[in-house]
PDB file of N, CA and C in Angstrom:
ATOM      1  N   MET A   1       0.797  -1.220  -0.066  1.00  0.00           N
ATOM      2  CA  MET A   1       0.050   0.065   0.005  1.00  0.00           C
ATOM      3  C   MET A   1       0.873   1.265   0.052  1.00  0.00           C
ATOM      4  N   LEU A   2       1.929   1.270   0.837  1.00  0.00           N
ATOM      5  CA  LEU A   2       2.898   2.406   0.764  1.00  0.00           C
ATOM      6  C   LEU A   2       3.482   2.610  -0.595  1.00  0.00           C
ATOM      7  N   LEU A   3       3.845   1.469  -1.320  1.00  0.00           N
ATOM      8  CA  LEU A   3       4.469   1.716  -2.675  1.00  0.00           C
ATOM      9  C   LEU A   3       3.406   2.437  -3.609  1.00  0.00           C
ATOM     10  N   ILE A   4       2.210   1.979  -3.493  1.00  0.00           N
ATOM     11  CA  ILE A   4       1.313   2.664  -4.356  1.00  0.00           C
ATOM     12  C   ILE A   4       1.132   4.160  -4.113  1.00  0.00           C
ATOM     13  N   PHE A   5       1.077   4.513  -2.829  1.00  0.00           N
ATOM     14  CA  PHE A   5       1.009   5.991  -2.520  1.00  0.00           C
ATOM     15  C   PHE A   5       2.401   6.533  -2.904  1.00  0.00           C
ATOM     16  N   ILE A   6       3.468   6.167  -2.872  1.00  0.00           N
ATOM     17  CA  ILE A   6       4.772   6.722  -3.242  1.00  0.00           C
ATOM     18  C   ILE A   6       4.651   6.755  -4.737  1.00  0.00           C
ATOM     19  N   PHE A   7       4.205   5.746  -5.499  1.00  0.00           N
ATOM     20  CA  PHE A   7       4.061   5.827  -6.899  1.00  0.00           C
ATOM     21  C   PHE A   7       3.209   6.999  -7.307  1.00  0.00           C
ATOM     22  N   LEU A   8       1.994   7.041  -6.737  1.00  0.00           N
ATOM     23  CA  LEU A   8       1.073   8.005  -7.191  1.00  0.00           C
ATOM     24  C   LEU A   8       1.550   9.431  -6.882  1.00  0.00           C
ATOM     25  N   THR A   9       2.320   9.651  -5.735  1.00  0.00           N
ATOM     26  CA  THR A   9       2.836  10.918  -5.467  1.00  0.00           C
ATOM     27  C   THR A   9       3.919  11.264  -6.414  1.00  0.00           C
ATOM     28  N   GLY A  10       4.675  10.412  -6.906  1.00  0.00           N
ATOM     29  CA  GLY A  10       5.708  10.583  -7.939  1.00  0.00           C
ATOM     30  C   GLY A  10       5.008  10.946  -9.194  1.00  0.00           C
ATOM     31  N   PHE A  11       3.845  10.368  -9.534  1.00  0.00           N
ATOM     32  CA  PHE A  11       3.118  10.489 -10.663  1.00  0.00           C
ATOM     33  C   PHE A  11       2.476  12.014 -10.705  1.00  0.00           C
ATOM     34  N   GLY A  12       2.025  12.317  -9.653  1.00  0.00           N
ATOM     35  CA  GLY A  12       1.501  13.801  -9.501  1.00  0.00           C
ATOM     36  C   GLY A  12       2.566  14.732  -9.549  1.00  0.00           C
ATOM     37  N   LEU A  13       3.887  14.472  -9.080  1.00  0.00           N
ATOM     38  CA  LEU A  13       5.044  15.478  -9.157  1.00  0.00           C
ATOM     39  C   LEU A  13       5.384  15.528 -10.701  1.00  0.00           C
ATOM     40  N   ALA A  14       5.412  14.326 -11.265  1.00  0.00           N
ATOM     41  CA  ALA A  14       5.836  14.428 -12.703  1.00  0.00           C
ATOM     42  C   ALA A  14       4.857  15.150 -13.660  1.00  0.00           C
ATOM     43  N   VAL A  15       3.628  14.886 -13.374  1.00  0.00           N
ATOM     44  CA  VAL A  15       2.674  15.558 -14.210  1.00  0.00           C
ATOM     45  C   VAL A  15       2.658  17.145 -14.030  1.00  0.00           C
ATOM     46  N   SER A  16       2.901  17.576 -12.807  1.00  0.00           N
ATOM     47  CA  SER A  16       2.894  19.026 -12.271  1.00  0.00           C
ATOM     48  C   SER A  16       4.092  19.717 -12.919  1.00  0.00           C
ATOM     49  N   GLY A  17       5.352  18.949 -12.761  1.00  0.00           N
ATOM     50  CA  GLY A  17       6.470  19.534 -13.357  1.00  0.00           C
ATOM     51  C   GLY A  17       6.419  19.598 -14.934  1.00  0.00           C
ATOM     52  N   GLY A  18       5.863  18.468 -15.502  1.00  0.00           N
ATOM     53  CA  GLY A  18       5.847  18.360 -17.078  1.00  0.00           C
ATOM     54  C   GLY A  18       4.804  19.350 -17.465  1.00  0.00           C
ATOM     55  N   VAL A  19       3.839  19.832 -16.932  1.00  0.00           N
ATOM     56  CA  VAL A  19       2.896  20.847 -17.340  1.00  0.00           C
ATOM     57  C   VAL A  19       3.703  22.138 -17.359  1.00  0.00           C
ATOM     58  N   SER A  20       4.387  22.269 -16.252  1.00  0.00           N
ATOM     59  CA  SER A  20       5.071  23.544 -15.955  1.00  0.00           C
ATOM     60  C   SER A  20       6.112  23.811 -17.212  1.00  0.00           C
ATOM     61  N   ILE A  21       6.814  22.756 -17.420  1.00  0.00           N
ATOM     62  CA  ILE A  21       7.876  22.773 -18.654  1.00  0.00           C
ATOM     63  C   ILE A  21       7.194  23.082 -19.852  1.00  0.00           C
ATOM     64  N   ILE A  22       5.939  22.309 -20.223  1.00  0.00           N
ATOM     65  CA  ILE A  22       5.313  22.524 -21.463  1.00  0.00           C
ATOM     66  C   ILE A  22       4.886  23.900 -21.393  1.00  0.00           C
ATOM     67  N   ALA A  23       4.347  24.548 -20.281  1.00  0.00           N
ATOM     68  CA  ALA A  23       3.735  25.756 -20.361  1.00  0.00           C
ATOM     69  C   ALA A  23       4.810  26.945 -20.522  1.00  0.00           C
ATOM     70  N   TYR A  24       6.054  26.524 -20.118  1.00  0.00           N
ATOM     71  CA  TYR A  24       7.142  27.628 -20.286  1.00  0.00           C
ATOM     72  C   TYR A  24       7.626  27.551 -21.725  1.00  0.00           C
ATOM     73  N   MET A  25       7.228  26.597 -22.549  1.00  0.00           N
ATOM     74  CA  MET A  25       7.554  26.503 -23.928  1.00  0.00           C
ATOM     75  C   MET A  25       7.140  27.648 -24.653  1.00  0.00           C
ATOM     76  N   ASN A  26       6.020  28.357 -24.034  1.00  0.00           N
ATOM     77  CA  ASN A  26       5.372  29.435 -24.813  1.00  0.00           C
ATOM     78  C   ASN A  26       6.349  30.554 -24.920  1.00  0.00           C
ATOM     79  N   PHE A  27       7.510  30.605 -24.280  1.00  0.00           N
ATOM     80  CA  PHE A  27       8.546  31.672 -24.420  1.00  0.00           C
ATOM     81  C   PHE A  27       9.215  31.392 -25.748  1.00  0.00           C
ATOM     82  N   LEU A  28       9.214  30.331 -26.187  1.00  0.00           N
ATOM     83  CA  LEU A  28      10.085  30.019 -27.504  1.00  0.00           C
ATOM     84  C   LEU A  28       9.679  30.701 -28.685  1.00  0.00           C
ATOM     85  N   PRO A  29       8.292  30.907 -28.883  1.00  0.00           N
ATOM     86  CA  PRO A  29       7.976  31.664 -30.263  1.00  0.00           C
ATOM     87  C   PRO A  29       8.312  33.176 -30.030  1.00  0.00           C
ATOM     88  N   VAL A  30       8.525  33.588 -28.855  1.00  0.00           N
ATOM     89  CA  VAL A  30       8.678  35.132 -28.589  1.00  0.00           C
ATOM     90  C   VAL A  30      10.359  35.419 -29.058  1.00  0.00           C
ATOM     91  N   GLY A  31      11.171  34.439 -29.234  1.00  0.00           N
ATOM     92  CA  GLY A  31      12.414  34.600 -29.614  1.00  0.00           C
ATOM     93  C   GLY A  31      13.535  34.203 -28.631  1.00  0.00           C
ATOM     94  N   VAL A  32      13.035  33.409 -27.496  1.00  0.00           N
ATOM     95  CA  VAL A  32      13.946  32.923 -26.621  1.00  0.00           C
ATOM     96  C   VAL A  32      14.737  31.708 -27.085  1.00  0.00           C
ATOM     97  N   THR A  33      15.997  31.646 -26.966  1.00  0.00           N
ATOM     98  CA  THR A  33      16.510  30.443 -27.698  1.00  0.00           C
ATOM     99  C   THR A  33      16.505  29.261 -26.739  1.00  0.00           C
ATOM    100  N   TRP A  34      16.908  28.023 -27.367  1.00  0.00           N
ATOM    101  CA  TRP A  34      16.702  26.774 -26.490  1.00  0.00           C
ATOM    102  C   TRP A  34      17.733  26.843 -25.192  1.00  0.00           C
ATOM    103  N   GLY A  35      18.820  27.277 -25.441  1.00  0.00           N
ATOM    104  CA  GLY A  35      19.745  27.570 -24.307  1.00  0.00           C
ATOM    105  C   GLY A  35      19.298  28.388 -23.212  1.00  0.00           C
ATOM    106  N   ASP A  36      18.675  29.610 -23.660  1.00  0.00           N
ATOM    107  CA  ASP A  36      18.041  30.468 -22.540  1.00  0.00           C
ATOM    108  C   ASP A  36      16.850  29.765 -21.964  1.00  0.00           C
ATOM    109  N   TYR A  37      16.088  28.998 -22.700  1.00  0.00           N
ATOM    110  CA  TYR A  37      15.039  28.292 -22.192  1.00  0.00           C
ATOM    111  C   TYR A  37      15.421  27.288 -21.241  1.00  0.00           C
ATOM    112  N   LEU A  38      16.474  26.513 -21.387  1.00  0.00           N
ATOM    113  CA  LEU A  38      16.999  25.657 -20.446  1.00  0.00           C
ATOM    114  C   LEU A  38      17.555  26.185 -19.181  1.00  0.00           C
ATOM    115  N   ILE A  39      18.186  27.297 -19.383  1.00  0.00           N
ATOM    116  CA  ILE A  39      18.786  28.159 -18.203  1.00  0.00           C
ATOM    117  C   ILE A  39      17.617  28.590 -17.364  1.00  0.00           C
ATOM    118  N   PHE A  40      16.608  28.962 -17.958  1.00  0.00           N
ATOM    119  CA  PHE A  40      15.425  29.551 -17.210  1.00  0.00           C
ATOM    120  C   PHE A  40      14.764  28.235 -16.553  1.00  0.00           C
ATOM    121  N   LEU A  41      14.683  27.281 -17.176  1.00  0.00           N
ATOM    122  CA  LEU A  41      14.071  26.097 -16.462  1.00  0.00           C
ATOM    123  C   LEU A  41      14.917  25.627 -15.321  1.00  0.00           C
ATOM    124  N   ALA A  42      16.125  25.655 -15.379  1.00  0.00           N
ATOM    125  CA  ALA A  42      16.973  25.360 -14.284  1.00  0.00           C
ATOM    126  C   ALA A  42      16.866  26.186 -13.096  1.00  0.00           C
ATOM    127  N   GLY A  43      16.269  27.436 -13.334  1.00  0.00           N
ATOM    128  CA  GLY A  43      16.076  28.342 -12.099  1.00  0.00           C
ATOM    129  C   GLY A  43      14.684  28.339 -11.586  1.00  0.00           C
ATOM    130  N   ARG A  44      13.823  27.469 -12.100  1.00  0.00           N
ATOM    131  CA  ARG A  44      12.272  27.441 -11.669  1.00  0.00           C
ATOM    132  C   ARG A  44      12.317  26.223 -10.868  1.00  0.00           C
ATOM    133  N   PRO A  45      11.913  26.402  -9.617  1.00  0.00           N
ATOM    134  CA  PRO A  45      11.823  25.165  -8.668  1.00  0.00           C
ATOM    135  C   PRO A  45      10.643  24.100  -9.096  1.00  0.00           C
ATOM    136  N   GLU A  46       9.658  24.691  -9.758  1.00  0.00           N
ATOM    137  CA  GLU A  46       8.512  23.812 -10.082  1.00  0.00           C
ATOM    138  C   GLU A  46       8.940  22.873 -11.099  1.00  0.00           C
ATOM    139  N   CYS A  47       9.845  23.209 -11.934  1.00  0.00           N
ATOM    140  CA  CYS A  47      10.287  22.226 -12.996  1.00  0.00           C
ATOM    141  C   CYS A  47      11.105  21.141 -12.463  1.00  0.00           C
ATOM    142  N   TYR A  48      11.589  21.278 -11.220  1.00  0.00           N
ATOM    143  CA  TYR A  48      12.282  19.967 -10.567  1.00  0.00           C
ATOM    144  C   TYR A  48      11.459  19.020 -10.102  1.00  0.00           C
ATOM    145  N   PHE A  49      10.056  19.235 -10.149  1.00  0.00           N
ATOM    146  CA  PHE A  49       9.124  18.224  -9.850  1.00  0.00           C
ATOM    147  C   PHE A  49       9.155  17.123 -10.817  1.00  0.00           C
ATOM    148  N   PHE A  50       9.461  17.459 -12.042  1.00  0.00           N
ATOM    149  CA  PHE A  50       9.365  16.456 -13.222  1.00  0.00           C
ATOM    150  C   PHE A  50      10.325  15.310 -12.927  1.00  0.00           C
ATOM    151  N   PRO A  51      11.661  15.574 -12.782  1.00  0.00           N
ATOM    152  CA  PRO A  51      12.648  14.714 -12.548  1.00  0.00           C
ATOM    153  C   PRO A  51      12.584  13.891 -11.089  1.00  0.00           C
ATOM    154  N   ALA A  52      12.088  14.716 -10.304  1.00  0.00           N
ATOM    155  CA  ALA A  52      11.822  14.057  -8.797  1.00  0.00           C
ATOM    156  C   ALA A  52      10.786  12.967  -8.966  1.00  0.00           C
ATOM    157  N   GLY A  53       9.619  13.424  -9.782  1.00  0.00           N
ATOM    158  CA  GLY A  53       8.609  12.466  -9.832  1.00  0.00           C
ATOM    159  C   GLY A  53       8.940  11.085 -10.572  1.00  0.00           C
ATOM    160  N   LEU A  54       9.635  11.362 -11.729  1.00  0.00           N
ATOM    161  CA  LEU A  54      10.073  10.173 -12.375  1.00  0.00           C
ATOM    162  C   LEU A  54      11.055   9.296 -11.602  1.00  0.00           C
ATOM    163  N   LEU A  55      11.886   9.883 -10.606  1.00  0.00           N
ATOM    164  CA  LEU A  55      12.722   9.159  -9.846  1.00  0.00           C
ATOM    165  C   LEU A  55      11.925   8.357  -8.737  1.00  0.00           C
ATOM    166  N   LEU A  56      11.005   9.058  -8.235  1.00  0.00           N
ATOM    167  CA  LEU A  56      10.025   8.374  -7.257  1.00  0.00           C
ATOM    168  C   LEU A  56       9.378   7.085  -7.824  1.00  0.00           C
ATOM    169  N   MET A  57       8.797   7.370  -9.172  1.00  0.00           N
ATOM    170  CA  MET A  57       8.101   6.307  -9.726  1.00  0.00           C
ATOM    171  C   MET A  57       9.162   5.018 -10.137  1.00  0.00           C
ATOM    172  N   ALA A  58      10.235   5.438 -10.690  1.00  0.00           N
ATOM    173  CA  ALA A  58      11.224   4.395 -11.007  1.00  0.00           C
ATOM    174  C   ALA A  58      11.771   3.719  -9.851  1.00  0.00           C
ATOM    175  N   LEU A  59      11.991   4.423  -8.650  1.00  0.00           N
ATOM    176  CA  LEU A  59      12.388   3.608  -7.400  1.00  0.00           C
ATOM    177  C   LEU A  59      11.272   2.798  -7.035  1.00  0.00           C
ATOM    178  N   THR A  60      10.062   3.137  -7.063  1.00  0.00           N
ATOM    179  CA  THR A  60       9.022   2.368  -6.623  1.00  0.00           C
ATOM    180  C   THR A  60       8.770   1.127  -7.523  1.00  0.00           C
ATOM    181  N   LEU A  61       8.786   1.302  -8.782  1.00  0.00           N
ATOM    182  CA  LEU A  61       8.677   0.119  -9.686  1.00  0.00           C
ATOM    183  C   LEU A  61       9.870  -0.762  -9.503  1.00  0.00           C
ATOM    184  N   TRP A  62      10.950  -0.378  -9.351  1.00  0.00           N
ATOM    185  CA  TRP A  62      12.164  -1.147  -9.081  1.00  0.00           C
ATOM    186  C   TRP A  62      12.079  -1.932  -7.775  1.00  0.00           C
ATOM    187  N   ARG A  63      11.668  -1.219  -6.739  1.00  0.00           N
ATOM    188  CA  ARG A  63      11.391  -1.905  -5.472  1.00  0.00           C
ATOM    189  C   ARG A  63      10.318  -3.018  -5.450  1.00  0.00           C
ATOM    190  N   TYR A  64       9.276  -2.709  -6.315  1.00  0.00           N
ATOM    191  CA  TYR A  64       8.181  -3.650  -6.430  1.00  0.00           C
ATOM    192  C   TYR A  64       8.576  -4.812  -7.244  1.00  0.00           C
ATOM    193  N   SER A  65       9.370  -4.554  -8.253  1.00  0.00           N
ATOM    194  CA  SER A  65       9.854  -5.731  -9.054  1.00  0.00           C
ATOM    195  C   SER A  65      10.683  -6.712  -8.411  1.00  0.00           C
ATOM    196  N   SER A  66      11.568  -6.067  -7.506  1.00  0.00           N
ATOM    197  CA  SER A  66      12.641  -6.991  -6.813  1.00  0.00           C
ATOM    198  C   SER A  66      12.023  -7.602  -5.487  1.00  0.00           C
ATOM    199  N   ASN A  67      10.793  -7.154  -5.104  1.00  0.00           N
ATOM    200  CA  ASN A  67      10.101  -7.710  -4.061  1.00  0.00           C
ATOM    201  C   ASN A  67       8.634  -7.877  -4.234  1.00  0.00           C
ATOM    202  N   PRO A  68       8.256  -8.911  -4.964  1.00  0.00           N
ATOM    203  CA  PRO A  68       6.707  -8.984  -5.469  1.00  0.00           C
ATOM    204  C   PRO A  68       5.889  -9.544  -4.278  1.00  0.00           C
TER     205      PRO A  68
END
């Protein structure tokens, strides 16, 4: 039950971080380069939710597969 909760928490974090990353892509048509875009993302704390969520989901799946 705890693994399901951690997995769903990771999924929620990944979704919210991914939505933020996609929403910030609206800066690209204005003339922001990809390098500036990535530097901007590195400074936004909500964009760190995406890799943190992926890590939580991966660890949960790895833990579940090694201990069925």
